[in-house]
Amino acid sequence: MRLFVAAAILMIAAPVFAQDPTDILVYHDTESGYGTAVTTAINNLWPSCNVSDNTGGESGMINFNTDLYSQDWDLIIVECWYYDTDDLDWATLNDIYDTNTIFATCWEWMGGTSGQMDLANSMGVTNVSTISNLIPHYAWDEAHPICDGIGDWSWEDPGLMTLNNRMTVSDADPVTGWTSDEQSGQAGICVANDGSSVISGYTPGYAVEDVAIWENILQFMWGEEALVPTTWGSIKAGGLQR
């Protein structure tokens, strides 16, 4: 009996992770050697996952839109920092946000004409202001899984004088920001109001620790966290000792 109970405890207390995602839809800008970190991170974490990998501006956005309509996706990733973003179907992203886990960052949240800011509003962001120079970035919630192990939040300039955004949130939860202490209107990476999606004014794609940051974001979105060991009381209540 004791051996059985001990084995049961080990099984329950061991880290248990969600099944790997099967299908991930991605649009990400790439330019001058930057922007591939998101797909590298996906391949590192889940090498058997089917990834619809779209890039290259208008043509990639049109392919993304076609795939967006074609099936259900475990995760949907949008990382726009170079090309015009109006060809992306922001209206459909907004429509499906309540049933899908989405990452979205966009250099023209306010300037876009295809519903970019409508999605931001739905995800819990009320306003953005553009950053066009290299300024420091900070972890506001150092205990959050997105910040785990990241020591350098700076990023490299891909020749654009950078295109990031300060965010003002309503019910999104800021994890990082553009000031050393948390301040209104200075949010960067935020957990959206569904608790699993992420909206960001910070571009991971050309960060110094780009792949590591992307791995943290993806694992958080997919919910890969170890379960808390079950207590003796719940083991007994579950009738495992016999």
C-alpha atoms as a PDB file:
ATOM      1  CA  MET A   1       0.000   0.000   0.000  1.00  0.00           C
ATOM      2  CA  ARG A   2       2.754   2.439   0.937  1.00  0.00           C
ATOM      3  CA  LEU A   3       4.569   1.806  -2.343  1.00  0.00           C
ATOM      4  CA  PHE A   4       1.388   2.472  -4.263  1.00  0.00           C
ATOM      5  CA  VAL A   5       0.751   5.726  -2.404  1.00  0.00           C
ATOM      6  CA  ALA A   6       4.358   6.870  -2.889  1.00  0.00           C
ATOM      7  CA  ALA A   7       4.173   6.180  -6.610  1.00  0.00           C
ATOM      8  CA  ALA A   8       0.905   8.078  -6.832  1.00  0.00           C
ATOM      9  CA  ILE A   9       2.423  11.066  -5.054  1.00  0.00           C
ATOM     10  CA  LEU A  10       5.392  11.109  -7.422  1.00  0.00           C
ATOM     11  CA  MET A  11       3.141  11.030 -10.449  1.00  0.00           C
ATOM     12  CA  ILE A  12       0.938  13.823  -9.143  1.00  0.00           C
ATOM     13  CA  ALA A  13       3.767  16.004  -7.849  1.00  0.00           C
ATOM     14  CA  ALA A  14       5.895  15.755 -10.989  1.00  0.00           C
ATOM     15  CA  PRO A  15       5.761  18.701 -13.390  1.00  0.00           C
ATOM     16  CA  VAL A  16       2.960  18.186 -15.883  1.00  0.00           C
ATOM     17  CA  PHE A  17       2.784  20.305 -19.002  1.00  0.00           C
ATOM     18  CA  ALA A  18       0.081  20.964 -21.533  1.00  0.00           C
ATOM     19  CA  GLN A  19       0.141  18.924 -24.696  1.00  0.00           C
ATOM     20  CA  ASP A  20       2.201  20.658 -27.360  1.00  0.00           C
ATOM     21  CA  PRO A  21       0.281  22.925 -29.731  1.00  0.00           C
ATOM     22  CA  THR A  22      -0.562  21.347 -33.063  1.00  0.00           C
ATOM     23  CA  ASP A  23      -1.119  24.378 -35.309  1.00  0.00           C
ATOM     24  CA  ILE A  24       0.260  27.920 -35.012  1.00  0.00           C
ATOM     25  CA  LEU A  25      -0.442  30.762 -37.448  1.00  0.00           C
ATOM     26  CA  VAL A  26       2.251  33.440 -37.737  1.00  0.00           C
ATOM     27  CA  TYR A  27       2.720  36.713 -39.541  1.00  0.00           C
ATOM     28  CA  HIS A  28       6.073  38.378 -38.768  1.00  0.00           C
ATOM     29  CA  ASP A  29       8.023  41.086 -40.548  1.00  0.00           C
ATOM     30  CA  THR A  30      11.594  40.244 -41.501  1.00  0.00           C
ATOM     31  CA  GLU A  31      14.177  42.722 -42.746  1.00  0.00           C
ATOM     32  CA  SER A  32      17.974  43.137 -42.666  1.00  0.00           C
ATOM     33  CA  GLY A  33      18.483  39.895 -40.751  1.00  0.00           C
ATOM     34  CA  TYR A  34      15.911  40.657 -38.049  1.00  0.00           C
ATOM     35  CA  GLY A  35      12.508  39.174 -37.289  1.00  0.00           C
ATOM     36  CA  THR A  36      12.988  35.401 -37.402  1.00  0.00           C
ATOM     37  CA  ALA A  37      13.173  34.927 -33.632  1.00  0.00           C
ATOM     38  CA  VAL A  38       9.501  33.973 -33.294  1.00  0.00           C
ATOM     39  CA  THR A  39       9.737  30.998 -35.650  1.00  0.00           C
ATOM     40  CA  THR A  40      13.095  29.971 -34.169  1.00  0.00           C
ATOM     41  CA  ALA A  41      11.488  29.960 -30.717  1.00  0.00           C
ATOM     42  CA  ILE A  42       8.509  27.905 -31.919  1.00  0.00           C
ATOM     43  CA  ASN A  43      10.840  25.339 -33.493  1.00  0.00           C
ATOM     44  CA  ASN A  44      12.925  25.207 -30.309  1.00  0.00           C
ATOM     45  CA  LEU A  45       9.887  24.585 -28.124  1.00  0.00           C
ATOM     46  CA  TRP A  46       7.655  22.478 -30.348  1.00  0.00           C
ATOM     47  CA  PRO A  47       9.599  21.061 -33.318  1.00  0.00           C
ATOM     48  CA  SER A  48       6.720  18.851 -34.449  1.00  0.00           C
ATOM     49  CA  CYS A  49       4.182  21.701 -34.538  1.00  0.00           C
ATOM     50  CA  ASN A  50       2.626  22.725 -37.866  1.00  0.00           C
ATOM     51  CA  VAL A  51       3.530  26.397 -38.384  1.00  0.00           C
ATOM     52  CA  SER A  52       1.964  28.532 -41.091  1.00  0.00           C
ATOM     53  CA  ASP A  53       4.884  30.957 -41.443  1.00  0.00           C
ATOM     54  CA  ASN A  54       4.009  34.162 -43.303  1.00  0.00           C
ATOM     55  CA  THR A  55       6.208  37.210 -43.883  1.00  0.00           C
ATOM     56  CA  GLY A  56       7.154  39.753 -46.545  1.00  0.00           C
ATOM     57  CA  GLY A  57       4.544  42.472 -46.316  1.00  0.00           C
ATOM     58  CA  GLU A  58       1.422  42.462 -48.521  1.00  0.00           C
ATOM     59  CA  SER A  59       1.850  38.968 -49.987  1.00  0.00           C
ATOM     60  CA  GLY A  60       2.554  37.418 -46.607  1.00  0.00           C
ATOM     61  CA  MET A  61      -0.367  39.253 -45.009  1.00  0.00           C
ATOM     62  CA  ILE A  62      -2.737  38.031 -47.715  1.00  0.00           C
ATOM     63  CA  ASN A  63      -1.541  34.446 -47.155  1.00  0.00           C
ATOM     64  CA  PHE A  64      -1.986  34.945 -43.411  1.00  0.00           C
ATOM     65  CA  ASN A  65      -5.552  36.167 -43.976  1.00  0.00           C
ATOM     66  CA  THR A  66      -6.342  33.127 -46.136  1.00  0.00           C
ATOM     67  CA  ASP A  67      -5.004  30.761 -43.484  1.00  0.00           C
ATOM     68  CA  LEU A  68      -6.782  32.681 -40.734  1.00  0.00           C
ATOM     69  CA  TYR A  69     -10.116  31.720 -42.290  1.00  0.00           C
ATOM     70  CA  SER A  70      -9.131  28.162 -43.174  1.00  0.00           C
ATOM     71  CA  GLN A  71      -9.071  26.359 -39.804  1.00  0.00           C
ATOM     72  CA  ASP A  72      -8.831  26.659 -36.045  1.00  0.00           C
ATOM     73  CA  TRP A  73      -5.409  27.602 -34.648  1.00  0.00           C
ATOM     74  CA  ASP A  74      -3.890  26.897 -31.243  1.00  0.00           C
ATOM     75  CA  LEU A  75      -1.981  30.206 -31.251  1.00  0.00           C
ATOM     76  CA  ILE A  76      -2.073  33.211 -33.586  1.00  0.00           C
ATOM     77  CA  ILE A  77       0.989  35.474 -33.753  1.00  0.00           C
ATOM     78  CA  VAL A  78       1.198  38.928 -35.380  1.00  0.00           C
ATOM     79  CA  GLU A  79       4.511  40.802 -35.167  1.00  0.00           C
ATOM     80  CA  CYS A  80       4.437  43.896 -37.415  1.00  0.00           C
ATOM     81  CA  TRP A  81       7.357  46.326 -37.223  1.00  0.00           C
ATOM     82  CA  TYR A  82       8.435  47.069 -40.810  1.00  0.00           C
ATOM     83  CA  TYR A  83       5.789  46.837 -43.538  1.00  0.00           C
ATOM     84  CA  ASP A  84       2.503  48.697 -43.802  1.00  0.00           C
ATOM     85  CA  THR A  85      -0.016  46.733 -41.753  1.00  0.00           C
ATOM     86  CA  ASP A  86      -3.313  47.626 -43.423  1.00  0.00           C
ATOM     87  CA  ASP A  87      -3.345  44.477 -45.581  1.00  0.00           C
ATOM     88  CA  LEU A  88      -3.653  42.320 -42.473  1.00  0.00           C
ATOM     89  CA  ASP A  89      -7.218  41.366 -41.510  1.00  0.00           C
ATOM     90  CA  TRP A  90      -7.404  43.101 -38.140  1.00  0.00           C
ATOM     91  CA  ALA A  91     -11.210  43.011 -38.154  1.00  0.00           C
ATOM     92  CA  THR A  92     -11.286  39.209 -38.206  1.00  0.00           C
ATOM     93  CA  LEU A  93      -8.597  39.054 -35.521  1.00  0.00           C
ATOM     94  CA  ASN A  94     -10.828  41.267 -33.406  1.00  0.00           C
ATOM     95  CA  ASP A  95     -13.875  39.108 -34.133  1.00  0.00           C
ATOM     96  CA  ILE A  96     -12.147  35.882 -33.098  1.00  0.00           C
ATOM     97  CA  TYR A  97     -10.215  37.300 -30.153  1.00  0.00           C
ATOM     98  CA  ASP A  98     -12.781  36.042 -27.641  1.00  0.00           C
ATOM     99  CA  THR A  99     -12.131  32.419 -28.657  1.00  0.00           C
ATOM    100  CA  ASN A 100      -8.456  32.472 -29.703  1.00  0.00           C
ATOM    101  CA  THR A 101      -5.113  33.126 -27.993  1.00  0.00           C
ATOM    102  CA  ILE A 102      -3.402  35.953 -29.870  1.00  0.00           C
ATOM    103  CA  PHE A 103      -0.080  37.797 -29.694  1.00  0.00           C
ATOM    104  CA  ALA A 104      -0.159  41.175 -31.419  1.00  0.00           C
ATOM    105  CA  THR A 105       2.346  43.972 -31.813  1.00  0.00           C
ATOM    106  CA  CYS A 106       2.024  46.654 -34.463  1.00  0.00           C
ATOM    107  CA  TRP A 107       4.070  49.759 -35.227  1.00  0.00           C
ATOM    108  CA  GLU A 108       0.988  51.659 -36.438  1.00  0.00           C
ATOM    109  CA  TRP A 109      -1.674  50.890 -33.861  1.00  0.00           C
ATOM    110  CA  MET A 110      -2.978  54.446 -34.069  1.00  0.00           C
ATOM    111  CA  GLY A 111      -2.144  55.168 -37.720  1.00  0.00           C
ATOM    112  CA  GLY A 112      -3.599  52.025 -39.247  1.00  0.00           C
ATOM    113  CA  THR A 113      -6.907  52.079 -41.109  1.00  0.00           C
ATOM    114  CA  SER A 114      -7.904  48.395 -40.925  1.00  0.00           C
ATOM    115  CA  GLY A 115      -9.040  48.143 -37.316  1.00  0.00           C
ATOM    116  CA  GLN A 116      -5.666  47.880 -35.598  1.00  0.00           C
ATOM    117  CA  MET A 117      -6.730  50.011 -32.659  1.00  0.00           C
ATOM    118  CA  ASP A 118     -10.084  48.236 -32.415  1.00  0.00           C
ATOM    119  CA  LEU A 119      -8.204  45.035 -31.611  1.00  0.00           C
ATOM    120  CA  ALA A 120      -6.005  46.897 -29.119  1.00  0.00           C
ATOM    121  CA  ASN A 121      -9.113  48.242 -27.384  1.00  0.00           C
ATOM    122  CA  SER A 122     -10.644  44.761 -27.249  1.00  0.00           C
ATOM    123  CA  MET A 123      -7.449  43.407 -25.672  1.00  0.00           C
ATOM    124  CA  GLY A 124      -7.451  46.064 -22.948  1.00  0.00           C
ATOM    125  CA  VAL A 125      -5.330  48.922 -24.348  1.00  0.00           C
ATOM    126  CA  THR A 126      -6.910  52.363 -24.661  1.00  0.00           C
ATOM    127  CA  ASN A 127      -4.121  54.445 -26.165  1.00  0.00           C
ATOM    128  CA  VAL A 128      -0.612  54.227 -27.608  1.00  0.00           C
ATOM    129  CA  SER A 129       2.149  56.721 -28.377  1.00  0.00           C
ATOM    130  CA  THR A 130       5.021  56.023 -30.748  1.00  0.00           C
ATOM    131  CA  ILE A 131       8.661  55.677 -29.666  1.00  0.00           C
ATOM    132  CA  SER A 132      11.148  56.523 -32.380  1.00  0.00           C
ATOM    133  CA  ASN A 133      14.493  56.217 -30.628  1.00  0.00           C
ATOM    134  CA  LEU A 134      16.430  53.726 -28.540  1.00  0.00           C
ATOM    135  CA  ILE A 135      15.373  53.997 -24.917  1.00  0.00           C
ATOM    136  CA  PRO A 136      15.733  51.449 -22.092  1.00  0.00           C
ATOM    137  CA  HIS A 137      13.067  48.863 -21.376  1.00  0.00           C
ATOM    138  CA  TYR A 138      12.311  47.304 -17.988  1.00  0.00           C
ATOM    139  CA  ALA A 139      10.642  44.295 -16.389  1.00  0.00           C
ATOM    140  CA  TRP A 140       7.830  45.624 -14.217  1.00  0.00           C
ATOM    141  CA  ASP A 141       6.730  42.194 -12.976  1.00  0.00           C
ATOM    142  CA  GLU A 142       9.995  40.297 -12.605  1.00  0.00           C
ATOM    143  CA  ALA A 143       8.182  37.218 -11.257  1.00  0.00           C
ATOM    144  CA  HIS A 144       6.037  36.865 -14.372  1.00  0.00           C
ATOM    145  CA  PRO A 145       6.854  33.886 -16.657  1.00  0.00           C
ATOM    146  CA  ILE A 146       7.432  36.260 -19.586  1.00  0.00           C
ATOM    147  CA  CYS A 147      10.331  37.826 -17.660  1.00  0.00           C
ATOM    148  CA  ASP A 148      11.869  34.551 -16.495  1.00  0.00           C
ATOM    149  CA  GLY A 149      15.627  34.527 -17.060  1.00  0.00           C
ATOM    150  CA  ILE A 150      15.723  37.707 -19.164  1.00  0.00           C
ATOM    151  CA  GLY A 151      18.573  39.969 -18.083  1.00  0.00           C
ATOM    152  CA  ASP A 152      18.711  42.394 -21.008  1.00  0.00           C
ATOM    153  CA  TRP A 153      15.570  44.052 -22.394  1.00  0.00           C
ATOM    154  CA  SER A 154      17.460  46.330 -24.766  1.00  0.00           C
ATOM    155  CA  TRP A 155      17.182  45.844 -28.485  1.00  0.00           C
ATOM    156  CA  GLU A 156      19.154  46.422 -31.630  1.00  0.00           C
ATOM    157  CA  ASP A 157      18.135  49.070 -34.151  1.00  0.00           C
ATOM    158  CA  PRO A 158      17.222  47.365 -37.444  1.00  0.00           C
ATOM    159  CA  GLY A 159      17.785  50.633 -39.290  1.00  0.00           C
ATOM    160  CA  LEU A 160      14.360  52.134 -38.634  1.00  0.00           C
ATOM    161  CA  MET A 161      15.170  54.359 -35.658  1.00  0.00           C
ATOM    162  CA  THR A 162      12.916  51.742 -33.978  1.00  0.00           C
ATOM    163  CA  LEU A 163       9.138  51.602 -34.087  1.00  0.00           C
ATOM    164  CA  ASN A 164       7.717  50.730 -30.688  1.00  0.00           C
ATOM    165  CA  ASN A 165       4.859  52.086 -28.593  1.00  0.00           C
ATOM    166  CA  ARG A 166       4.070  53.187 -25.071  1.00  0.00           C
ATOM    167  CA  MET A 167       0.696  51.771 -24.052  1.00  0.00           C
ATOM    168  CA  THR A 168      -2.052  53.027 -21.790  1.00  0.00           C
ATOM    169  CA  VAL A 169      -4.088  50.113 -20.475  1.00  0.00           C
ATOM    170  CA  SER A 170      -7.605  49.689 -19.159  1.00  0.00           C
ATOM    171  CA  ASP A 171      -7.882  46.026 -18.159  1.00  0.00           C
ATOM    172  CA  ALA A 172      -4.725  44.618 -19.755  1.00  0.00           C
ATOM    173  CA  ASP A 173      -1.963  43.761 -17.284  1.00  0.00           C
ATOM    174  CA  PRO A 174       1.465  45.354 -17.966  1.00  0.00           C
ATOM    175  CA  VAL A 175       4.432  43.014 -17.531  1.00  0.00           C
ATOM    176  CA  THR A 176       7.157  45.325 -18.887  1.00  0.00           C
ATOM    177  CA  GLY A 177       7.422  49.026 -19.579  1.00  0.00           C
ATOM    178  CA  TRP A 178       9.457  51.984 -20.738  1.00  0.00           C
ATOM    179  CA  THR A 179      10.145  53.422 -17.269  1.00  0.00           C
ATOM    180  CA  SER A 180      12.054  51.808 -14.428  1.00  0.00           C
ATOM    181  CA  ASP A 181       8.997  52.035 -12.170  1.00  0.00           C
ATOM    182  CA  GLU A 182       5.481  51.277 -13.320  1.00  0.00           C
ATOM    183  CA  GLN A 183       3.782  54.413 -14.645  1.00  0.00           C
ATOM    184  CA  SER A 184       0.514  55.044 -16.456  1.00  0.00           C
ATOM    185  CA  GLY A 185       0.893  55.282 -20.220  1.00  0.00           C
ATOM    186  CA  GLN A 186       4.321  53.588 -20.256  1.00  0.00           C
ATOM    187  CA  ALA A 187       3.443  49.896 -20.650  1.00  0.00           C
ATOM    188  CA  GLY A 188       5.288  47.587 -23.036  1.00  0.00           C
ATOM    189  CA  ILE A 189       4.424  43.879 -23.052  1.00  0.00           C
ATOM    190  CA  CYS A 190       0.960  43.337 -21.566  1.00  0.00           C
ATOM    191  CA  VAL A 191      -1.158  40.292 -20.810  1.00  0.00           C
ATOM    192  CA  ALA A 192      -4.482  40.987 -22.497  1.00  0.00           C
ATOM    193  CA  ASN A 193      -7.775  40.890 -20.656  1.00  0.00           C
ATOM    194  CA  ASP A 194      -8.476  37.240 -21.550  1.00  0.00           C
ATOM    195  CA  GLY A 195      -5.550  36.265 -19.311  1.00  0.00           C
ATOM    196  CA  SER A 196      -3.576  34.357 -21.959  1.00  0.00           C
ATOM    197  CA  SER A 197      -3.209  36.578 -25.035  1.00  0.00           C
ATOM    198  CA  VAL A 198      -0.458  39.190 -25.225  1.00  0.00           C
ATOM    199  CA  ILE A 199      -0.524  42.694 -26.700  1.00  0.00           C
ATOM    200  CA  SER A 200       2.758  44.530 -26.929  1.00  0.00           C
ATOM    201  CA  GLY A 201       4.198  47.943 -27.606  1.00  0.00           C
ATOM    202  CA  TYR A 202       7.649  46.318 -27.455  1.00  0.00           C
ATOM    203  CA  THR A 203       9.026  44.384 -30.443  1.00  0.00           C
ATOM    204  CA  PRO A 204      10.671  41.096 -29.398  1.00  0.00           C
ATOM    205  CA  GLY A 205      11.838  40.464 -32.973  1.00  0.00           C
ATOM    206  CA  TYR A 206      14.936  42.651 -32.728  1.00  0.00           C
ATOM    207  CA  ALA A 207      15.569  42.485 -28.997  1.00  0.00           C
ATOM    208  CA  VAL A 208      19.048  41.456 -27.860  1.00  0.00           C
ATOM    209  CA  GLU A 209      17.524  38.366 -26.186  1.00  0.00           C
ATOM    210  CA  ASP A 210      14.933  37.936 -28.928  1.00  0.00           C
ATOM    211  CA  VAL A 211      14.602  34.140 -28.994  1.00  0.00           C
ATOM    212  CA  ALA A 212      14.560  33.789 -25.187  1.00  0.00           C
ATOM    213  CA  ILE A 213      11.870  36.470 -24.858  1.00  0.00           C
ATOM    214  CA  TRP A 214       9.809  34.808 -27.566  1.00  0.00           C
ATOM    215  CA  GLU A 215      10.131  31.412 -25.892  1.00  0.00           C
ATOM    216  CA  ASN A 216       8.843  32.901 -22.632  1.00  0.00           C
ATOM    217  CA  ILE A 217       5.918  34.605 -24.368  1.00  0.00           C
ATOM    218  CA  LEU A 218       4.922  31.469 -26.259  1.00  0.00           C
ATOM    219  CA  GLN A 219       5.132  29.199 -23.225  1.00  0.00           C
ATOM    220  CA  PHE A 220       3.070  31.638 -21.200  1.00  0.00           C
ATOM    221  CA  MET A 221       0.415  31.888 -23.912  1.00  0.00           C
ATOM    222  CA  TRP A 222       0.206  28.116 -24.241  1.00  0.00           C
ATOM    223  CA  GLY A 223       0.016  27.673 -20.472  1.00  0.00           C
ATOM    224  CA  GLU A 224       3.067  25.469 -19.982  1.00  0.00           C
ATOM    225  CA  GLU A 225       3.382  25.680 -16.203  1.00  0.00           C
ATOM    226  CA  ALA A 226       4.086  22.921 -13.717  1.00  0.00           C
ATOM    227  CA  LEU A 227       1.145  21.839 -11.583  1.00  0.00           C
ATOM    228  CA  VAL A 228       1.300  22.365  -7.828  1.00  0.00           C
ATOM    229  CA  PRO A 229       1.899  19.072  -5.992  1.00  0.00           C
ATOM    230  CA  THR A 230      -1.304  17.574  -4.634  1.00  0.00           C
ATOM    231  CA  THR A 231      -1.625  17.564  -0.855  1.00  0.00           C
ATOM    232  CA  TRP A 232      -2.072  14.469   1.303  1.00  0.00           C
ATOM    233  CA  GLY A 233      -5.648  15.512   1.987  1.00  0.00           C
ATOM    234  CA  SER A 234      -6.650  15.594  -1.655  1.00  0.00           C
ATOM    235  CA  ILE A 235      -4.804  12.344  -2.338  1.00  0.00           C
ATOM    236  CA  LYS A 236      -6.843  10.663   0.383  1.00  0.00           C
ATOM    237  CA  ALA A 237     -10.041  12.306  -0.799  1.00  0.00           C
ATOM    238  CA  GLY A 238      -9.339  10.964  -4.255  1.00  0.00           C
ATOM    239  CA  GLY A 239      -9.143   7.428  -2.882  1.00  0.00           C
ATOM    240  CA  LEU A 240      -5.632   6.672  -4.131  1.00  0.00           C
ATOM    241  CA  GLN A 241      -4.587   4.697  -1.033  1.00  0.00           C
ATOM    242  CA  ARG A 242      -6.110   1.291  -0.808  1.00  0.00           C
END
